[in-house]
C-alpha atoms as a PDB file:
ATOM      1  CA  MET A   1     159.687 -44.737  30.638  1.00  0.00           C
ATOM      2  CA  SER A   2     157.138 -45.905  28.074  1.00  0.00           C
ATOM      3  CA  ALA A   3     156.448 -49.590  27.824  1.00  0.00           C
ATOM      4  CA  PHE A   4     156.001 -49.384  24.052  1.00  0.00           C
ATOM      5  CA  GLY A   5     159.177 -51.398  23.517  1.00  0.00           C
ATOM      6  CA  HIS A   6     157.484 -54.348  25.233  1.00  0.00           C
ATOM      7  CA  ARG A   7     153.835 -53.897  24.298  1.00  0.00           C
ATOM      8  CA  LEU A   8     154.253 -53.006  20.649  1.00  0.00           C
ATOM      9  CA  PRO A   9     156.935 -55.279  19.204  1.00  0.00           C
ATOM     10  CA  ARG A  10     156.091 -54.388  15.625  1.00  0.00           C
ATOM     11  CA  LEU A  11     156.011 -50.611  15.447  1.00  0.00           C
ATOM     12  CA  ALA A  12     155.982 -49.005  11.996  1.00  0.00           C
ATOM     13  CA  VAL A  13     157.379 -45.478  11.987  1.00  0.00           C
ATOM     14  CA  GLY A  14     157.105 -42.870   9.239  1.00  0.00           C
ATOM     15  CA  VAL A  15     159.150 -39.675   9.227  1.00  0.00           C
ATOM     16  CA  ASP A  16     158.671 -36.617   7.022  1.00  0.00           C
ATOM     17  CA  LEU A  17     161.852 -34.524   6.892  1.00  0.00           C
ATOM     18  CA  GLY A  18     161.094 -31.179   5.262  1.00  0.00           C
ATOM     19  CA  GLY A  19     162.882 -27.898   5.055  1.00  0.00           C
ATOM     20  CA  THR A  20     161.464 -26.520   8.317  1.00  0.00           C
ATOM     21  CA  TRP A  21     160.162 -29.432  10.403  1.00  0.00           C
ATOM     22  CA  VAL A  22     160.724 -33.126  10.949  1.00  0.00           C
ATOM     23  CA  ARG A  23     157.519 -34.977  11.801  1.00  0.00           C
ATOM     24  CA  GLY A  24     156.965 -38.584  12.763  1.00  0.00           C
ATOM     25  CA  VAL A  25     154.093 -41.031  13.250  1.00  0.00           C
ATOM     26  CA  ALA A  26     154.243 -44.505  14.793  1.00  0.00           C
ATOM     27  CA  LEU A  27     151.661 -47.168  13.994  1.00  0.00           C
ATOM     28  CA  SER A  28     150.862 -50.463  15.641  1.00  0.00           C
ATOM     29  CA  GLY A  29     148.713 -52.303  13.155  1.00  0.00           C
ATOM     30  CA  ASP A  30     146.194 -49.725  11.924  1.00  0.00           C
ATOM     31  CA  ARG A  31     146.346 -47.754  15.171  1.00  0.00           C
ATOM     32  CA  GLN A  32     148.363 -44.583  15.566  1.00  0.00           C
ATOM     33  CA  VAL A  33     150.225 -44.824  18.863  1.00  0.00           C
ATOM     34  CA  ALA A  34     152.557 -41.817  18.806  1.00  0.00           C
ATOM     35  CA  ARG A  35     153.446 -38.589  17.046  1.00  0.00           C
ATOM     36  CA  PHE A  36     156.531 -36.413  17.356  1.00  0.00           C
ATOM     37  CA  ALA A  37     157.932 -33.283  15.738  1.00  0.00           C
ATOM     38  CA  GLY A  38     160.922 -30.994  15.931  1.00  0.00           C
ATOM     39  CA  PRO A  39     163.002 -28.532  13.911  1.00  0.00           C
ATOM     40  CA  ALA A  40     164.347 -29.905  10.636  1.00  0.00           C
ATOM     41  CA  THR A  41     167.835 -31.334  10.553  1.00  0.00           C
ATOM     42  CA  PRO A  42     170.074 -32.343   7.620  1.00  0.00           C
ATOM     43  CA  VAL A  43     169.189 -35.840   6.468  1.00  0.00           C
ATOM     44  CA  LEU A  44     172.637 -37.209   7.336  1.00  0.00           C
ATOM     45  CA  GLU A  45     172.183 -35.956  10.919  1.00  0.00           C
ATOM     46  CA  LEU A  46     168.634 -37.245  11.351  1.00  0.00           C
ATOM     47  CA  ALA A  47     169.723 -40.419  13.165  1.00  0.00           C
ATOM     48  CA  ARG A  48     170.873 -38.436  16.205  1.00  0.00           C
ATOM     49  CA  TYR A  49     167.442 -36.815  16.539  1.00  0.00           C
ATOM     50  CA  LEU A  50     165.595 -40.122  16.093  1.00  0.00           C
ATOM     51  CA  ARG A  51     167.781 -41.891  18.666  1.00  0.00           C
ATOM     52  CA  THR A  52     166.721 -39.210  21.145  1.00  0.00           C
ATOM     53  CA  VAL A  53     163.051 -39.818  20.275  1.00  0.00           C
ATOM     54  CA  TRP A  54     163.486 -43.588  20.652  1.00  0.00           C
ATOM     55  CA  ARG A  55     165.215 -43.152  24.024  1.00  0.00           C
ATOM     56  CA  ARG A  56     162.607 -40.773  25.406  1.00  0.00           C
ATOM     57  CA  ARG A  57     159.746 -43.065  24.386  1.00  0.00           C
ATOM     58  CA  GLY A  58     161.420 -46.249  25.525  1.00  0.00           C
ATOM     59  CA  TRP A  59     161.450 -47.753  22.039  1.00  0.00           C
ATOM     60  CA  ARG A  60     164.054 -50.439  21.589  1.00  0.00           C
ATOM     61  CA  PRO A  61     165.369 -50.487  17.992  1.00  0.00           C
ATOM     62  CA  SER A  62     164.578 -54.204  17.832  1.00  0.00           C
ATOM     63  CA  ALA A  63     160.916 -53.365  18.542  1.00  0.00           C
ATOM     64  CA  VAL A  64     160.660 -50.956  15.585  1.00  0.00           C
ATOM     65  CA  GLY A  65     159.868 -53.292  12.712  1.00  0.00           C
ATOM     66  CA  ALA A  66     160.173 -50.718   9.930  1.00  0.00           C
ATOM     67  CA  LEU A  67     161.190 -47.092   9.518  1.00  0.00           C
ATOM     68  CA  VAL A  68     160.419 -45.124   6.348  1.00  0.00           C
ATOM     69  CA  VAL A  69     161.922 -41.648   6.065  1.00  0.00           C
ATOM     70  CA  ALA A  70     160.568 -39.273   3.418  1.00  0.00           C
ATOM     71  CA  ALA A  71     163.347 -36.725   2.979  1.00  0.00           C
ATOM     72  CA  ARG A  72     163.522 -33.488   1.064  1.00  0.00           C
ATOM     73  CA  GLY A  73     166.115 -33.431  -1.718  1.00  0.00           C
ATOM     74  CA  VAL A  74     166.876 -37.169  -1.705  1.00  0.00           C
ATOM     75  CA  TRP A  75     166.564 -38.649  -5.195  1.00  0.00           C
ATOM     76  CA  THR A  76     169.382 -40.804  -6.487  1.00  0.00           C
ATOM     77  CA  PRO A  77     170.114 -44.375  -5.332  1.00  0.00           C
ATOM     78  CA  ALA A  78     173.440 -43.134  -3.951  1.00  0.00           C
ATOM     79  CA  GLU A  79     171.716 -40.416  -1.910  1.00  0.00           C
ATOM     80  CA  ARG A  80     169.158 -42.869  -0.562  1.00  0.00           C
ATOM     81  CA  SER A  81     171.830 -45.423   0.319  1.00  0.00           C
ATOM     82  CA  ALA A  82     173.946 -42.825   2.110  1.00  0.00           C
ATOM     83  CA  ALA A  83     170.962 -41.676   4.170  1.00  0.00           C
ATOM     84  CA  ARG A  84     169.894 -45.252   4.898  1.00  0.00           C
ATOM     85  CA  ARG A  85     173.356 -46.148   6.195  1.00  0.00           C
ATOM     86  CA  THR A  86     173.212 -43.349   8.772  1.00  0.00           C
ATOM     87  CA  LEU A  87     169.872 -44.723  10.036  1.00  0.00           C
ATOM     88  CA  ARG A  88     171.044 -48.293  10.558  1.00  0.00           C
ATOM     89  CA  GLY A  89     170.276 -49.669  13.979  1.00  0.00           C
ATOM     90  CA  LEU A  90     167.090 -47.648  14.439  1.00  0.00           C
ATOM     91  CA  ALA A  91     164.776 -50.345  13.053  1.00  0.00           C
ATOM     92  CA  ARG A  92     164.814 -53.836  11.647  1.00  0.00           C
ATOM     93  CA  ARG A  93     164.091 -52.418   8.202  1.00  0.00           C
ATOM     94  CA  VAL A  94     164.948 -48.890   7.031  1.00  0.00           C
ATOM     95  CA  GLU A  95     163.883 -47.231   3.792  1.00  0.00           C
ATOM     96  CA  VAL A  96     164.516 -43.680   2.549  1.00  0.00           C
ATOM     97  CA  ILE A  97     162.299 -42.103  -0.115  1.00  0.00           C
ATOM     98  CA  SER A  98     161.806 -38.540  -1.331  1.00  0.00           C
ATOM     99  CA  ASP A  99     159.239 -36.319   0.359  1.00  0.00           C
ATOM    100  CA  VAL A 100     157.546 -35.836  -3.023  1.00  0.00           C
ATOM    101  CA  GLU A 101     157.181 -39.613  -3.355  1.00  0.00           C
ATOM    102  CA  ALA A 102     155.477 -39.661   0.040  1.00  0.00           C
ATOM    103  CA  ALA A 103     153.101 -36.916  -1.115  1.00  0.00           C
ATOM    104  CA  TRP A 104     152.372 -39.000  -4.226  1.00  0.00           C
ATOM    105  CA  LEU A 105     151.673 -42.080  -2.096  1.00  0.00           C
ATOM    106  CA  GLY A 106     149.336 -40.108   0.139  1.00  0.00           C
ATOM    107  CA  THR A 107     147.278 -38.938  -2.839  1.00  0.00           C
ATOM    108  CA  LEU A 108     147.578 -41.523  -5.629  1.00  0.00           C
ATOM    109  CA  ASP A 109     148.660 -44.674  -3.795  1.00  0.00           C
ATOM    110  CA  GLY A 110     147.633 -47.685  -5.850  1.00  0.00           C
ATOM    111  CA  ARG A 111     147.023 -45.749  -9.062  1.00  0.00           C
ATOM    112  CA  ALA A 112     149.083 -44.942 -12.121  1.00  0.00           C
ATOM    113  CA  GLY A 113     149.208 -41.173 -12.533  1.00  0.00           C
ATOM    114  CA  VAL A 114     151.051 -37.953 -11.827  1.00  0.00           C
ATOM    115  CA  LEU A 115     151.334 -35.617  -8.866  1.00  0.00           C
ATOM    116  CA  VAL A 116     151.633 -31.890  -9.557  1.00  0.00           C
ATOM    117  CA  LEU A 117     153.301 -30.209  -6.592  1.00  0.00           C
ATOM    118  CA  ALA A 118     153.553 -26.436  -6.547  1.00  0.00           C
ATOM    119  CA  GLY A 119     154.332 -24.493  -3.419  1.00  0.00           C
ATOM    120  CA  THR A 120     157.441 -22.397  -2.949  1.00  0.00           C
ATOM    121  CA  GLY A 121     159.015 -24.729  -5.539  1.00  0.00           C
ATOM    122  CA  SER A 122     157.494 -27.120  -8.058  1.00  0.00           C
ATOM    123  CA  ILE A 123     157.887 -30.647  -9.392  1.00  0.00           C
ATOM    124  CA  VAL A 124     155.799 -33.271 -11.163  1.00  0.00           C
ATOM    125  CA  LEU A 125     156.212 -36.922 -10.194  1.00  0.00           C
ATOM    126  CA  GLY A 126     154.538 -39.862 -11.901  1.00  0.00           C
ATOM    127  CA  ARG A 127     154.351 -43.642 -11.710  1.00  0.00           C
ATOM    128  CA  ASP A 128     152.938 -46.211 -14.102  1.00  0.00           C
ATOM    129  CA  ALA A 129     151.138 -49.474 -13.376  1.00  0.00           C
ATOM    130  CA  ARG A 130     154.449 -51.378 -13.425  1.00  0.00           C
ATOM    131  CA  GLY A 131     155.923 -49.199 -10.691  1.00  0.00           C
ATOM    132  CA  ARG A 132     158.246 -47.147 -12.914  1.00  0.00           C
ATOM    133  CA  TRP A 133     158.823 -43.549 -11.773  1.00  0.00           C
ATOM    134  CA  ALA A 134     159.423 -40.391 -13.814  1.00  0.00           C
ATOM    135  CA  ARG A 135     159.806 -36.766 -12.774  1.00  0.00           C
ATOM    136  CA  ALA A 136     159.998 -33.349 -14.394  1.00  0.00           C
ATOM    137  CA  GLY A 137     161.060 -30.078 -12.839  1.00  0.00           C
ATOM    138  CA  GLY A 138     162.148 -29.935  -9.225  1.00  0.00           C
ATOM    139  CA  LEU A 139     165.528 -28.411 -10.058  1.00  0.00           C
ATOM    140  CA  GLY A 140     165.226 -25.562  -7.576  1.00  0.00           C
ATOM    141  CA  PRO A 141     165.062 -21.793  -8.089  1.00  0.00           C
ATOM    142  CA  LEU A 142     168.277 -21.555 -10.133  1.00  0.00           C
ATOM    143  CA  PHE A 143     167.340 -24.075 -12.826  1.00  0.00           C
ATOM    144  CA  GLY A 144     163.647 -24.820 -12.495  1.00  0.00           C
ATOM    145  CA  ASP A 145     160.614 -24.439 -10.214  1.00  0.00           C
ATOM    146  CA  GLU A 146     158.448 -23.480 -13.187  1.00  0.00           C
ATOM    147  CA  GLY A 147     154.975 -22.362 -12.193  1.00  0.00           C
ATOM    148  CA  SER A 148     155.817 -22.273  -8.480  1.00  0.00           C
ATOM    149  CA  ALA A 149     155.120 -19.473  -6.026  1.00  0.00           C
ATOM    150  CA  PHE A 150     158.778 -18.459  -6.332  1.00  0.00           C
ATOM    151  CA  TRP A 151     158.496 -18.429 -10.134  1.00  0.00           C
ATOM    152  CA  LEU A 152     155.336 -16.256 -10.070  1.00  0.00           C
ATOM    153  CA  GLY A 153     156.917 -13.823  -7.615  1.00  0.00           C
ATOM    154  CA  ARG A 154     160.135 -13.600  -9.617  1.00  0.00           C
ATOM    155  CA  GLU A 155     158.312 -12.925 -12.893  1.00  0.00           C
ATOM    156  CA  TRP A 156     156.243 -10.209 -11.241  1.00  0.00           C
ATOM    157  CA  LEU A 157     159.297  -8.551  -9.706  1.00  0.00           C
ATOM    158  CA  ARG A 158     161.095  -8.308 -13.043  1.00  0.00           C
ATOM    159  CA  ALA A 159     159.315  -4.950 -13.409  1.00  0.00           C
ATOM    160  CA  ARG A 160     160.517  -3.878  -9.944  1.00  0.00           C
ATOM    161  CA  PRO A 161     164.333  -3.998 -10.163  1.00  0.00           C
ATOM    162  CA  ASP A 162     164.662  -1.850  -7.043  1.00  0.00           C
ATOM    163  CA  VAL A 163     162.893  -4.539  -4.979  1.00  0.00           C
ATOM    164  CA  ALA A 164     164.346  -7.484  -6.899  1.00  0.00           C
ATOM    165  CA  ARG A 165     167.977  -6.440  -6.324  1.00  0.00           C
ATOM    166  CA  GLY A 166     167.516  -6.396  -2.566  1.00  0.00           C
ATOM    167  CA  LEU A 167     165.743  -9.747  -2.480  1.00  0.00           C
ATOM    168  CA  ALA A 168     168.351 -11.367  -4.729  1.00  0.00           C
ATOM    169  CA  ARG A 169     170.985 -10.710  -2.062  1.00  0.00           C
ATOM    170  CA  ALA A 170     168.841 -11.689   0.940  1.00  0.00           C
ATOM    171  CA  PRO A 171     169.629 -15.035   2.632  1.00  0.00           C
ATOM    172  CA  ASP A 172     165.894 -15.804   2.678  1.00  0.00           C
ATOM    173  CA  GLY A 173     165.337 -14.355  -0.770  1.00  0.00           C
ATOM    174  CA  VAL A 174     163.580 -17.407  -2.229  1.00  0.00           C
ATOM    175  CA  ALA A 175     160.920 -17.451   0.487  1.00  0.00           C
ATOM    176  CA  ARG A 176     160.441 -13.677   0.323  1.00  0.00           C
ATOM    177  CA  ILE A 177     160.085 -13.733  -3.466  1.00  0.00           C
ATOM    178  CA  ALA A 178     157.596 -16.619  -3.215  1.00  0.00           C
ATOM    179  CA  ALA A 179     155.610 -14.580  -0.685  1.00  0.00           C
ATOM    180  CA  HIS A 180     154.613 -12.239  -3.542  1.00  0.00           C
ATOM    181  CA  ALA A 181     152.664 -15.033  -5.280  1.00  0.00           C
ATOM    182  CA  PRO A 182     149.335 -14.509  -3.428  1.00  0.00           C
ATOM    183  CA  ALA A 183     149.313 -10.855  -4.484  1.00  0.00           C
ATOM    184  CA  VAL A 184     150.035 -11.852  -8.096  1.00  0.00           C
ATOM    185  CA  LEU A 185     147.114 -14.309  -8.004  1.00  0.00           C
ATOM    186  CA  ALA A 186     144.825 -11.652  -6.499  1.00  0.00           C
ATOM    187  CA  ARG A 187     145.778  -9.137  -9.194  1.00  0.00           C
ATOM    188  CA  ALA A 188     145.216 -11.750 -11.896  1.00  0.00           C
ATOM    189  CA  ARG A 189     141.745 -12.566 -10.541  1.00  0.00           C
ATOM    190  CA  ASP A 190     140.958  -8.824 -10.487  1.00  0.00           C
ATOM    191  CA  GLY A 191     141.829  -8.466 -14.161  1.00  0.00           C
ATOM    192  CA  ASP A 192     145.399  -7.170 -14.094  1.00  0.00           C
ATOM    193  CA  ARG A 193     146.631  -8.144 -17.547  1.00  0.00           C
ATOM    194  CA  ARG A 194     150.291  -8.514 -16.661  1.00  0.00           C
ATOM    195  CA  ALA A 195     149.562 -10.611 -13.574  1.00  0.00           C
ATOM    196  CA  ALA A 196     147.067 -12.737 -15.531  1.00  0.00           C
ATOM    197  CA  ALA A 197     149.659 -13.393 -18.259  1.00  0.00           C
ATOM    198  CA  ILE A 198     152.238 -14.479 -15.664  1.00  0.00           C
ATOM    199  CA  VAL A 199     149.765 -16.808 -13.940  1.00  0.00           C
ATOM    200  CA  ARG A 200     148.607 -18.357 -17.239  1.00  0.00           C
ATOM    201  CA  ASP A 201     152.236 -18.944 -18.224  1.00  0.00           C
ATOM    202  CA  GLY A 202     152.941 -20.612 -14.870  1.00  0.00           C
ATOM    203  CA  GLN A 203     149.860 -22.815 -15.159  1.00  0.00           C
ATOM    204  CA  ASP A 204     150.835 -23.839 -18.681  1.00  0.00           C
ATOM    205  CA  ARG A 205     154.375 -24.696 -17.576  1.00  0.00           C
ATOM    206  CA  LEU A 206     153.049 -26.974 -14.831  1.00  0.00           C
ATOM    207  CA  ALA A 207     150.711 -28.613 -17.346  1.00  0.00           C
ATOM    208  CA  GLY A 208     153.685 -29.085 -19.655  1.00  0.00           C
ATOM    209  CA  LEU A 209     155.642 -30.837 -16.924  1.00  0.00           C
ATOM    210  CA  ALA A 210     152.680 -33.135 -16.239  1.00  0.00           C
ATOM    211  CA  GLN A 211     152.364 -33.939 -19.933  1.00  0.00           C
ATOM    212  CA  GLU A 212     156.098 -34.646 -20.130  1.00  0.00           C
ATOM    213  CA  VAL A 213     155.892 -37.154 -17.273  1.00  0.00           C
ATOM    214  CA  ALA A 214     152.774 -38.818 -18.701  1.00  0.00           C
ATOM    215  CA  ARG A 215     154.509 -39.264 -22.056  1.00  0.00           C
ATOM    216  CA  ALA A 216     157.665 -40.619 -20.450  1.00  0.00           C
ATOM    217  CA  LEU A 217     155.609 -43.299 -18.689  1.00  0.00           C
ATOM    218  CA  GLY A 218     153.301 -44.007 -21.599  1.00  0.00           C
ATOM    219  CA  LEU A 219     150.193 -43.018 -19.621  1.00  0.00           C
ATOM    220  CA  ARG A 220     147.282 -42.758 -22.047  1.00  0.00           C
ATOM    221  CA  GLY A 221     143.585 -42.082 -21.820  1.00  0.00           C
ATOM    222  CA  VAL A 222     142.248 -40.253 -18.792  1.00  0.00           C
ATOM    223  CA  LEU A 223     145.193 -39.206 -16.617  1.00  0.00           C
ATOM    224  CA  ASP A 224     144.858 -39.470 -12.832  1.00  0.00           C
ATOM    225  CA  VAL A 225     146.327 -36.253 -11.449  1.00  0.00           C
ATOM    226  CA  GLY A 226     146.953 -35.492  -7.799  1.00  0.00           C
ATOM    227  CA  TRP A 227     148.009 -32.170  -6.389  1.00  0.00           C
ATOM    228  CA  ALA A 228     150.021 -30.915  -3.446  1.00  0.00           C
ATOM    229  CA  GLY A 229     151.581 -27.693  -2.210  1.00  0.00           C
ATOM    230  CA  GLY A 230     150.162 -24.358  -1.151  1.00  0.00           C
ATOM    231  CA  LEU A 231     149.868 -22.918  -4.651  1.00  0.00           C
ATOM    232  CA  MET A 232     148.002 -25.929  -6.048  1.00  0.00           C
ATOM    233  CA  ALA A 233     145.715 -25.789  -3.003  1.00  0.00           C
ATOM    234  CA  ASP A 234     144.241 -22.577  -4.475  1.00  0.00           C
ATOM    235  CA  PRO A 235     141.130 -23.789  -6.398  1.00  0.00           C
ATOM    236  CA  TRP A 236     141.286 -20.906  -8.886  1.00  0.00           C
ATOM    237  CA  PHE A 237     144.931 -21.550  -9.718  1.00  0.00           C
ATOM    238  CA  ARG A 238     144.380 -25.319  -9.892  1.00  0.00           C
ATOM    239  CA  ALA A 239     141.452 -24.848 -12.296  1.00  0.00           C
ATOM    240  CA  GLY A 240     143.772 -22.918 -14.576  1.00  0.00           C
ATOM    241  CA  VAL A 241     146.245 -25.801 -14.584  1.00  0.00           C
ATOM    242  CA  GLY A 242     143.337 -28.056 -15.534  1.00  0.00           C
ATOM    243  CA  ARG A 243     142.433 -25.796 -18.456  1.00  0.00           C
ATOM    244  CA  ALA A 244     146.073 -25.770 -19.560  1.00  0.00           C
ATOM    245  CA  LEU A 245     146.052 -29.581 -19.568  1.00  0.00           C
ATOM    246  CA  THR A 246     142.873 -29.558 -21.656  1.00  0.00           C
ATOM    247  CA  ARG A 247     144.514 -27.220 -24.175  1.00  0.00           C
ATOM    248  CA  ARG A 248     147.290 -29.810 -24.419  1.00  0.00           C
ATOM    249  CA  ARG A 249     144.636 -32.477 -25.070  1.00  0.00           C
ATOM    250  CA  VAL A 250     145.259 -34.177 -21.733  1.00  0.00           C
ATOM    251  CA  ARG A 251     142.083 -35.391 -20.038  1.00  0.00           C
ATOM    252  CA  ALA A 252     142.652 -35.204 -16.299  1.00  0.00           C
ATOM    253  CA  ARG A 253     140.819 -36.853 -13.409  1.00  0.00           C
ATOM    254  CA  TRP A 254     141.801 -34.876 -10.322  1.00  0.00           C
ATOM    255  CA  HIS A 255     142.430 -36.353  -6.873  1.00  0.00           C
ATOM    256  CA  ARG A 256     142.521 -34.350  -3.678  1.00  0.00           C
ATOM    257  CA  PRO A 257     145.389 -34.898  -1.233  1.00  0.00           C
ATOM    258  CA  GLY A 258     144.658 -37.874   1.008  1.00  0.00           C
ATOM    259  CA  SER A 259     147.036 -38.816   3.777  1.00  0.00           C
ATOM    260  CA  PRO A 260     149.769 -36.336   4.762  1.00  0.00           C
ATOM    261  CA  PRO A 261     153.255 -37.461   3.705  1.00  0.00           C
ATOM    262  CA  VAL A 262     154.238 -38.509   7.222  1.00  0.00           C
ATOM    263  CA  LEU A 263     151.239 -40.845   7.522  1.00  0.00           C
ATOM    264  CA  ALA A 264     151.801 -42.179   4.005  1.00  0.00           C
ATOM    265  CA  ALA A 265     155.393 -43.010   5.038  1.00  0.00           C
ATOM    266  CA  ALA A 266     154.170 -44.755   8.198  1.00  0.00           C
ATOM    267  CA  ARG A 267     151.649 -46.829   6.235  1.00  0.00           C
ATOM    268  CA  ARG A 268     154.370 -47.800   3.764  1.00  0.00           C
ATOM    269  CA  ALA A 269     156.454 -48.944   6.727  1.00  0.00           C
ATOM    270  CA  ALA A 270     153.505 -50.932   8.110  1.00  0.00           C
ATOM    271  CA  ARG A 271     152.959 -52.715   4.790  1.00  0.00           C
ATOM    272  CA  SER A 272     156.568 -53.935   4.859  1.00  0.00           C
ATOM    273  CA  LEU A 273     156.228 -55.697   8.217  1.00  0.00           C
END
């Protein structure tokens, strides 16, 4: 049994609960003392998994000073409160935030600005200097995800109804449709007019979401913009989003991703001790 429960009385633990994996980092001061990972679990069942981690590592709940969980799909105060209640007893202080907020903290922590996240899905999250939050997009494949990998793949497949019908009925249809995005980007770079039009439209939609958030928060002047997600990690695609912002008369100062969401959550926990 680990002696962490005795040696490290003020552990700060961050957890990133995504769609596929749950990852955790424990800090003692500025030092990382443990990492753990496992298959993702519904947020309301996460406590069972974490109790197993605590038990295996010999961590007494009283020795964990703060736990911050960054969870996918958790937005409203009611959702956060419900998740936090299930995690009671795991730490002296428990906080639940969205995974997108953790990505924002890892990239723009301490700044007013917006985070443009585009991977399989898409969302833009922003915060002003007073700590007010605003978001645009993030409504999932049925109602949103503009400019995402799923969106690009879906628009491309509109001309392939034979393929689209099969994917629409597949249980993993969203992921399989999103998997077409790299080919759409490659065609666009090679001069395919239809692919290029789809990509430009997606880039402009993401820029529109960023502009919407900036306006909602009253962010003026040069806009600090962070990025996250596999699609935004493509420099060519990201440059197109930048050009779309310029066309909308938004001057952007780009910031590369800094800390991964799980570490950003752990550092947030450490600051609360």
